[in-house]
Amino acid sequence: DNFLSLAERVEITNSIKPDVFISIHGNALVSSRVIRGVETYYWTSQSHKLAYYIHRSILSHINIPDHYIRKAQFYVIRHASCPAVLAELGFLSNHDDRKFLTNSTTQDEYAKALTEAILKFLDIEPDKKQKTEN
């Protein structure tokens, strides 16, 4: 359990040359415990399509407010050499979102949503056999 700087995260990412990079976060807002929802950020035009697929997939799996897809200059998505997004899956400062983010069943739904979005972005058909076994 080591902390990596933003530059180290990007250096590792770029050295392994992945097809996509997704930075997963739990948002927080000290000034309000009411605000909740999912936000997805991208920086480059190549990342916009990935952000769209991820955002739509999360909203189709999780009953959570939509805080939209936004362009932003977060370090890790700005410096990654592959399509990269930062996904804020909910607000830890909100009771309902925090329950989603800490619930293993909902975590599985987030994982399914992200997996489906990545496969769609990469134009890969999901393995039908695996789907029927789950």
N, C-alpha and C. Protein backbone atom coordinates (compact mmCIF):
# COMPACT_ATOMS: atom_id res chain seq x y z
N ASP A 1 0.85 -1.17 0.00
CA ASP A 1 0.00 0.00 0.00
C ASP A 1 0.90 1.24 0.00
N ASN A 2 1.30 1.64 -1.18
CA ASN A 2 2.18 2.79 -1.33
C ASN A 2 1.48 3.89 -2.09
N PHE A 3 1.80 5.12 -1.73
CA PHE A 3 1.26 6.27 -2.47
C PHE A 3 2.17 6.55 -3.64
N LEU A 4 1.57 6.68 -4.81
CA LEU A 4 2.32 7.05 -6.01
C LEU A 4 1.93 8.46 -6.40
N SER A 5 2.91 9.26 -6.76
CA SER A 5 2.61 10.61 -7.23
C SER A 5 1.86 10.51 -8.56
N LEU A 6 1.23 11.60 -8.95
CA LEU A 6 0.53 11.63 -10.23
C LEU A 6 1.49 11.35 -11.38
N ALA A 7 2.68 11.93 -11.30
CA ALA A 7 3.68 11.70 -12.35
C ALA A 7 4.09 10.23 -12.41
N GLU A 8 4.25 9.59 -11.26
CA GLU A 8 4.61 8.17 -11.24
C GLU A 8 3.49 7.31 -11.84
N ARG A 9 2.25 7.65 -11.56
CA ARG A 9 1.12 6.90 -12.12
C ARG A 9 1.13 6.98 -13.65
N VAL A 10 1.36 8.18 -14.15
CA VAL A 10 1.40 8.36 -15.61
C VAL A 10 2.61 7.65 -16.20
N GLU A 11 3.75 7.73 -15.53
CA GLU A 11 4.96 7.07 -16.03
C GLU A 11 4.73 5.56 -16.14
N ILE A 12 4.14 4.96 -15.13
CA ILE A 12 3.84 3.52 -15.16
C ILE A 12 2.86 3.21 -16.28
N THR A 13 1.80 4.01 -16.36
CA THR A 13 0.79 3.81 -17.40
C THR A 13 1.42 3.86 -18.79
N ASN A 14 2.16 4.89 -19.05
CA ASN A 14 2.76 5.05 -20.38
C ASN A 14 3.81 3.98 -20.69
N SER A 15 4.47 3.47 -19.66
CA SER A 15 5.49 2.45 -19.89
C SER A 15 4.88 1.10 -20.28
N ILE A 16 3.67 0.81 -19.79
CA ILE A 16 3.05 -0.48 -20.15
C ILE A 16 2.15 -0.38 -21.38
N LYS A 17 1.91 0.83 -21.83
CA LYS A 17 1.15 1.06 -23.07
C LYS A 17 -0.21 0.35 -23.10
N PRO A 18 -1.08 0.65 -22.14
CA PRO A 18 -2.40 0.01 -22.14
C PRO A 18 -3.29 0.58 -23.25
N ASP A 19 -4.37 -0.11 -23.53
CA ASP A 19 -5.33 0.37 -24.52
C ASP A 19 -6.14 1.55 -23.99
N VAL A 20 -6.40 1.55 -22.68
CA VAL A 20 -7.13 2.64 -22.03
C VAL A 20 -6.60 2.83 -20.62
N PHE A 21 -6.87 4.00 -20.06
CA PHE A 21 -6.53 4.31 -18.67
C PHE A 21 -7.77 4.90 -18.03
N ILE A 22 -8.18 4.32 -16.90
CA ILE A 22 -9.33 4.85 -16.16
C ILE A 22 -8.89 5.10 -14.72
N SER A 23 -9.01 6.34 -14.29
CA SER A 23 -8.72 6.71 -12.92
C SER A 23 -10.05 6.76 -12.18
N ILE A 24 -10.23 5.87 -11.21
CA ILE A 24 -11.51 5.72 -10.51
C ILE A 24 -11.45 6.44 -9.17
N HIS A 25 -12.47 7.26 -8.91
CA HIS A 25 -12.48 8.09 -7.71
C HIS A 25 -13.83 8.08 -7.02
N GLY A 26 -13.77 8.39 -5.74
CA GLY A 26 -14.95 8.75 -4.97
C GLY A 26 -14.83 10.23 -4.69
N ASN A 27 -15.79 11.00 -5.15
CA ASN A 27 -15.79 12.45 -5.01
C ASN A 27 -16.12 12.83 -3.57
N ALA A 28 -15.92 14.07 -3.21
CA ALA A 28 -16.30 14.60 -1.90
C ALA A 28 -16.47 16.10 -2.00
N LEU A 29 -17.42 16.59 -1.26
CA LEU A 29 -17.67 18.03 -1.24
C LEU A 29 -17.93 18.43 0.21
N VAL A 30 -16.97 19.11 0.82
CA VAL A 30 -17.05 19.49 2.22
C VAL A 30 -18.21 20.45 2.47
N SER A 31 -18.50 21.31 1.51
CA SER A 31 -19.51 22.35 1.71
C SER A 31 -20.96 21.84 1.61
N SER A 32 -21.15 20.61 1.13
CA SER A 32 -22.51 20.09 0.99
C SER A 32 -22.51 18.57 1.10
N ARG A 33 -23.44 18.06 1.89
CA ARG A 33 -23.63 16.61 1.98
C ARG A 33 -24.81 16.18 1.11
N VAL A 34 -25.44 17.12 0.44
CA VAL A 34 -26.63 16.85 -0.37
C VAL A 34 -26.25 16.41 -1.78
N ILE A 35 -25.25 17.04 -2.35
CA ILE A 35 -24.91 16.76 -3.75
C ILE A 35 -24.43 15.32 -3.90
N ARG A 36 -24.90 14.69 -4.98
CA ARG A 36 -24.53 13.31 -5.26
C ARG A 36 -24.54 13.08 -6.76
N GLY A 37 -23.91 12.00 -7.21
CA GLY A 37 -23.96 11.66 -8.62
C GLY A 37 -22.62 11.30 -9.21
N VAL A 38 -22.68 10.90 -10.46
CA VAL A 38 -21.51 10.45 -11.20
C VAL A 38 -21.06 11.53 -12.18
N GLU A 39 -19.74 11.71 -12.28
CA GLU A 39 -19.13 12.65 -13.23
C GLU A 39 -18.01 11.90 -13.94
N THR A 40 -17.85 12.16 -15.23
CA THR A 40 -16.77 11.53 -15.98
C THR A 40 -16.01 12.61 -16.73
N TYR A 41 -14.68 12.60 -16.57
CA TYR A 41 -13.82 13.63 -17.15
C TYR A 41 -12.89 13.04 -18.21
N TYR A 42 -12.63 13.83 -19.23
CA TYR A 42 -11.69 13.47 -20.29
C TYR A 42 -10.91 14.73 -20.65
N TRP A 43 -9.81 14.56 -21.39
CA TRP A 43 -9.06 15.73 -21.85
C TRP A 43 -8.93 15.76 -23.37
N THR A 44 -8.60 14.65 -24.00
CA THR A 44 -8.35 14.65 -25.45
C THR A 44 -9.59 14.18 -26.21
N SER A 45 -9.59 14.49 -27.49
CA SER A 45 -10.71 14.04 -28.32
C SER A 45 -10.76 12.52 -28.40
N GLN A 46 -9.60 11.85 -28.36
CA GLN A 46 -9.59 10.38 -28.40
C GLN A 46 -10.21 9.79 -27.13
N SER A 47 -10.22 10.56 -26.05
CA SER A 47 -10.77 10.07 -24.78
C SER A 47 -12.26 10.37 -24.62
N HIS A 48 -12.79 11.27 -25.42
CA HIS A 48 -14.19 11.66 -25.28
C HIS A 48 -15.14 10.47 -25.48
N LYS A 49 -14.87 9.66 -26.49
CA LYS A 49 -15.72 8.49 -26.77
C LYS A 49 -15.68 7.50 -25.60
N LEU A 50 -14.50 7.27 -25.03
CA LEU A 50 -14.36 6.39 -23.87
C LEU A 50 -15.15 6.96 -22.69
N ALA A 51 -15.05 8.26 -22.47
CA ALA A 51 -15.79 8.90 -21.38
C ALA A 51 -17.29 8.71 -21.57
N TYR A 52 -17.75 8.86 -22.80
CA TYR A 52 -19.17 8.70 -23.10
C TYR A 52 -19.63 7.27 -22.77
N TYR A 53 -18.89 6.28 -23.24
CA TYR A 53 -19.27 4.89 -22.99
C TYR A 53 -19.27 4.57 -21.49
N ILE A 54 -18.27 5.04 -20.79
CA ILE A 54 -18.19 4.78 -19.35
C ILE A 54 -19.34 5.44 -18.61
N HIS A 55 -19.58 6.69 -18.92
CA HIS A 55 -20.62 7.45 -18.23
C HIS A 55 -22.00 6.82 -18.47
N ARG A 56 -22.31 6.54 -19.72
CA ARG A 56 -23.61 5.93 -20.06
C ARG A 56 -23.78 4.57 -19.41
N SER A 57 -22.72 3.78 -19.39
CA SER A 57 -22.79 2.45 -18.81
C SER A 57 -23.03 2.52 -17.30
N ILE A 58 -22.34 3.41 -16.62
CA ILE A 58 -22.56 3.57 -15.18
C ILE A 58 -24.01 3.96 -14.91
N LEU A 59 -24.51 4.92 -15.67
CA LEU A 59 -25.90 5.36 -15.45
C LEU A 59 -26.91 4.25 -15.76
N SER A 60 -26.56 3.33 -16.66
CA SER A 60 -27.49 2.24 -16.97
C SER A 60 -27.46 1.15 -15.90
N HIS A 61 -26.38 1.07 -15.13
CA HIS A 61 -26.25 0.04 -14.09
C HIS A 61 -26.58 0.54 -12.69
N ILE A 62 -26.36 1.80 -12.45
CA ILE A 62 -26.49 2.36 -11.10
C ILE A 62 -27.53 3.48 -11.12
N ASN A 63 -28.45 3.46 -10.18
CA ASN A 63 -29.46 4.51 -10.08
C ASN A 63 -28.86 5.69 -9.30
N ILE A 64 -28.16 6.54 -10.03
CA ILE A 64 -27.42 7.65 -9.43
C ILE A 64 -27.58 8.87 -10.33
N PRO A 65 -27.66 10.08 -9.73
CA PRO A 65 -27.81 11.29 -10.56
C PRO A 65 -26.65 11.49 -11.53
N ASP A 66 -26.97 12.11 -12.65
CA ASP A 66 -26.03 12.39 -13.72
C ASP A 66 -25.43 13.78 -13.55
N HIS A 67 -24.12 13.84 -13.33
CA HIS A 67 -23.43 15.12 -13.27
C HIS A 67 -22.59 15.36 -14.52
N TYR A 68 -22.86 14.59 -15.53
CA TYR A 68 -22.38 14.85 -16.89
C TYR A 68 -20.93 14.47 -17.15
N ILE A 69 -20.62 14.53 -18.42
CA ILE A 69 -19.27 14.29 -18.94
C ILE A 69 -18.65 15.66 -19.15
N ARG A 70 -17.43 15.83 -18.66
CA ARG A 70 -16.81 17.15 -18.71
C ARG A 70 -15.35 17.04 -19.16
N LYS A 71 -14.92 18.06 -19.85
CA LYS A 71 -13.51 18.16 -20.23
C LYS A 71 -12.77 18.83 -19.09
N ALA A 72 -11.65 18.23 -18.66
CA ALA A 72 -10.87 18.80 -17.56
C ALA A 72 -9.40 18.43 -17.72
N GLN A 73 -8.54 19.22 -17.10
CA GLN A 73 -7.10 19.05 -17.25
C GLN A 73 -6.47 18.28 -16.09
N PHE A 74 -7.14 17.26 -15.57
CA PHE A 74 -6.52 16.46 -14.51
C PHE A 74 -5.21 15.86 -15.01
N TYR A 75 -4.19 15.89 -14.19
CA TYR A 75 -2.85 15.50 -14.60
C TYR A 75 -2.82 14.12 -15.25
N VAL A 76 -3.41 13.13 -14.60
CA VAL A 76 -3.28 11.75 -15.10
C VAL A 76 -3.95 11.55 -16.46
N ILE A 77 -5.06 12.24 -16.71
CA ILE A 77 -5.70 12.06 -18.01
C ILE A 77 -5.09 12.98 -19.07
N ARG A 78 -4.48 14.05 -18.63
CA ARG A 78 -3.83 14.97 -19.57
C ARG A 78 -2.52 14.40 -20.10
N HIS A 79 -1.84 13.59 -19.28
CA HIS A 79 -0.51 13.11 -19.65
C HIS A 79 -0.46 11.64 -20.06
N ALA A 80 -1.55 10.93 -19.95
CA ALA A 80 -1.55 9.53 -20.39
C ALA A 80 -1.46 9.49 -21.91
N SER A 81 -0.72 8.53 -22.43
CA SER A 81 -0.52 8.44 -23.87
C SER A 81 -1.60 7.62 -24.58
N CYS A 82 -2.57 7.15 -23.83
CA CYS A 82 -3.68 6.38 -24.39
C CYS A 82 -4.99 7.10 -24.04
N PRO A 83 -6.11 6.67 -24.61
CA PRO A 83 -7.38 7.26 -24.18
C PRO A 83 -7.53 7.12 -22.66
N ALA A 84 -7.84 8.23 -21.99
CA ALA A 84 -7.84 8.24 -20.53
C ALA A 84 -9.01 9.05 -19.99
N VAL A 85 -9.64 8.53 -18.95
CA VAL A 85 -10.72 9.24 -18.29
C VAL A 85 -10.56 9.16 -16.78
N LEU A 86 -11.17 10.10 -16.11
CA LEU A 86 -11.26 10.09 -14.66
C LEU A 86 -12.73 9.98 -14.33
N ALA A 87 -13.11 8.91 -13.64
CA ALA A 87 -14.51 8.65 -13.31
C ALA A 87 -14.74 8.87 -11.83
N GLU A 88 -15.59 9.85 -11.52
CA GLU A 88 -16.03 10.10 -10.15
C GLU A 88 -17.33 9.31 -9.98
N LEU A 89 -17.27 8.19 -9.27
CA LEU A 89 -18.39 7.26 -9.20
C LEU A 89 -19.49 7.67 -8.23
N GLY A 90 -19.26 8.70 -7.47
CA GLY A 90 -20.24 9.19 -6.50
C GLY A 90 -19.54 10.05 -5.48
N PHE A 91 -20.32 10.61 -4.57
CA PHE A 91 -19.78 11.51 -3.56
C PHE A 91 -19.71 10.81 -2.21
N LEU A 92 -18.51 10.63 -1.70
CA LEU A 92 -18.33 10.03 -0.38
C LEU A 92 -18.92 10.92 0.71
N SER A 93 -19.07 12.20 0.42
CA SER A 93 -19.65 13.14 1.38
C SER A 93 -21.18 13.04 1.44
N ASN A 94 -21.78 12.26 0.55
CA ASN A 94 -23.23 12.06 0.53
C ASN A 94 -23.54 10.66 1.06
N HIS A 95 -24.49 10.57 1.99
CA HIS A 95 -24.83 9.29 2.63
C HIS A 95 -25.24 8.22 1.61
N ASP A 96 -26.12 8.55 0.67
CA ASP A 96 -26.60 7.57 -0.30
C ASP A 96 -25.48 7.11 -1.24
N ASP A 97 -24.71 8.04 -1.76
CA ASP A 97 -23.61 7.67 -2.65
C ASP A 97 -22.57 6.84 -1.89
N ARG A 98 -22.28 7.22 -0.65
CA ARG A 98 -21.30 6.48 0.14
C ARG A 98 -21.76 5.03 0.35
N LYS A 99 -23.07 4.83 0.55
CA LYS A 99 -23.60 3.47 0.68
C LYS A 99 -23.36 2.68 -0.61
N PHE A 100 -23.58 3.32 -1.77
CA PHE A 100 -23.31 2.66 -3.06
C PHE A 100 -21.83 2.28 -3.18
N LEU A 101 -20.97 3.23 -2.87
CA LEU A 101 -19.53 3.04 -3.08
C LEU A 101 -18.92 2.01 -2.14
N THR A 102 -19.56 1.77 -1.00
CA THR A 102 -19.01 0.84 -0.02
C THR A 102 -19.76 -0.49 0.03
N ASN A 103 -20.75 -0.67 -0.83
CA ASN A 103 -21.55 -1.89 -0.87
C ASN A 103 -20.98 -2.84 -1.92
N SER A 104 -20.68 -4.08 -1.54
CA SER A 104 -20.03 -5.01 -2.47
C SER A 104 -20.90 -5.32 -3.69
N THR A 105 -22.21 -5.38 -3.52
CA THR A 105 -23.10 -5.64 -4.66
C THR A 105 -23.04 -4.49 -5.66
N THR A 106 -23.09 -3.27 -5.15
CA THR A 106 -23.02 -2.10 -6.03
C THR A 106 -21.63 -1.98 -6.65
N GLN A 107 -20.60 -2.32 -5.89
CA GLN A 107 -19.24 -2.30 -6.45
C GLN A 107 -19.16 -3.25 -7.64
N ASP A 108 -19.81 -4.42 -7.54
CA ASP A 108 -19.85 -5.35 -8.67
C ASP A 108 -20.55 -4.73 -9.87
N GLU A 109 -21.61 -3.98 -9.63
CA GLU A 109 -22.33 -3.31 -10.72
C GLU A 109 -21.46 -2.24 -11.38
N TYR A 110 -20.71 -1.49 -10.56
CA TYR A 110 -19.77 -0.52 -11.13
C TYR A 110 -18.74 -1.25 -12.00
N ALA A 111 -18.22 -2.38 -11.51
CA ALA A 111 -17.22 -3.13 -12.27
C ALA A 111 -17.80 -3.63 -13.59
N LYS A 112 -19.04 -4.13 -13.57
CA LYS A 112 -19.69 -4.57 -14.80
C LYS A 112 -19.86 -3.41 -15.77
N ALA A 113 -20.28 -2.28 -15.25
CA ALA A 113 -20.48 -1.10 -16.10
C ALA A 113 -19.18 -0.67 -16.76
N LEU A 114 -18.10 -0.63 -15.99
CA LEU A 114 -16.81 -0.23 -16.54
C LEU A 114 -16.31 -1.26 -17.56
N THR A 115 -16.48 -2.53 -17.25
CA THR A 115 -16.06 -3.59 -18.18
C THR A 115 -16.81 -3.49 -19.50
N GLU A 116 -18.12 -3.35 -19.44
CA GLU A 116 -18.93 -3.23 -20.66
C GLU A 116 -18.50 -2.03 -21.48
N ALA A 117 -18.24 -0.91 -20.82
CA ALA A 117 -17.84 0.31 -21.53
C ALA A 117 -16.49 0.14 -22.21
N ILE A 118 -15.55 -0.46 -21.51
CA ILE A 118 -14.22 -0.67 -22.09
C ILE A 118 -14.31 -1.58 -23.31
N LEU A 119 -15.04 -2.69 -23.17
CA LEU A 119 -15.20 -3.62 -24.29
C LEU A 119 -15.85 -2.93 -25.48
N LYS A 120 -16.87 -2.12 -25.21
CA LYS A 120 -17.54 -1.40 -26.30
C LYS A 120 -16.57 -0.43 -26.98
N PHE A 121 -15.82 0.31 -26.17
CA PHE A 121 -14.85 1.27 -26.72
C PHE A 121 -13.82 0.56 -27.59
N LEU A 122 -13.35 -0.60 -27.15
CA LEU A 122 -12.34 -1.35 -27.88
C LEU A 122 -12.93 -2.22 -28.98
N ASP A 123 -14.24 -2.16 -29.12
CA ASP A 123 -14.96 -2.93 -30.13
C ASP A 123 -14.69 -4.43 -29.99
N ILE A 124 -14.82 -4.91 -28.74
CA ILE A 124 -14.63 -6.32 -28.42
C ILE A 124 -15.98 -6.88 -27.97
N GLU A 125 -16.37 -7.99 -28.57
CA GLU A 125 -17.61 -8.65 -28.18
C GLU A 125 -17.40 -9.35 -26.85
N PRO A 126 -18.31 -9.16 -25.88
CA PRO A 126 -18.18 -9.88 -24.61
C PRO A 126 -18.26 -11.39 -24.85
N ASP A 127 -17.56 -12.14 -24.05
CA ASP A 127 -17.58 -13.59 -24.14
C ASP A 127 -18.94 -14.10 -23.67
N LYS A 128 -19.72 -14.63 -24.60
CA LYS A 128 -21.09 -15.09 -24.29
C LYS A 128 -21.09 -16.20 -23.26
N LYS A 129 -20.09 -17.10 -23.32
CA LYS A 129 -20.02 -18.20 -22.37
C LYS A 129 -19.83 -17.68 -20.95
N GLN A 130 -18.96 -16.71 -20.79
CA GLN A 130 -18.72 -16.14 -19.46
C GLN A 130 -19.97 -15.48 -18.92
N LYS A 131 -20.73 -14.79 -19.76
CA LYS A 131 -21.95 -14.12 -19.33
C LYS A 131 -22.96 -15.11 -18.78
N THR A 132 -23.11 -16.28 -19.41
CA THR A 132 -24.10 -17.25 -18.96
C THR A 132 -23.67 -17.95 -17.68
N GLU A 133 -22.37 -17.99 -17.40
CA GLU A 133 -21.88 -18.63 -16.18
C GLU A 133 -22.05 -17.74 -14.97
N ASN A 134 -22.17 -16.44 -15.13
CA ASN A 134 -22.26 -15.51 -13.99
C ASN A 134 -23.63 -15.42 -13.44
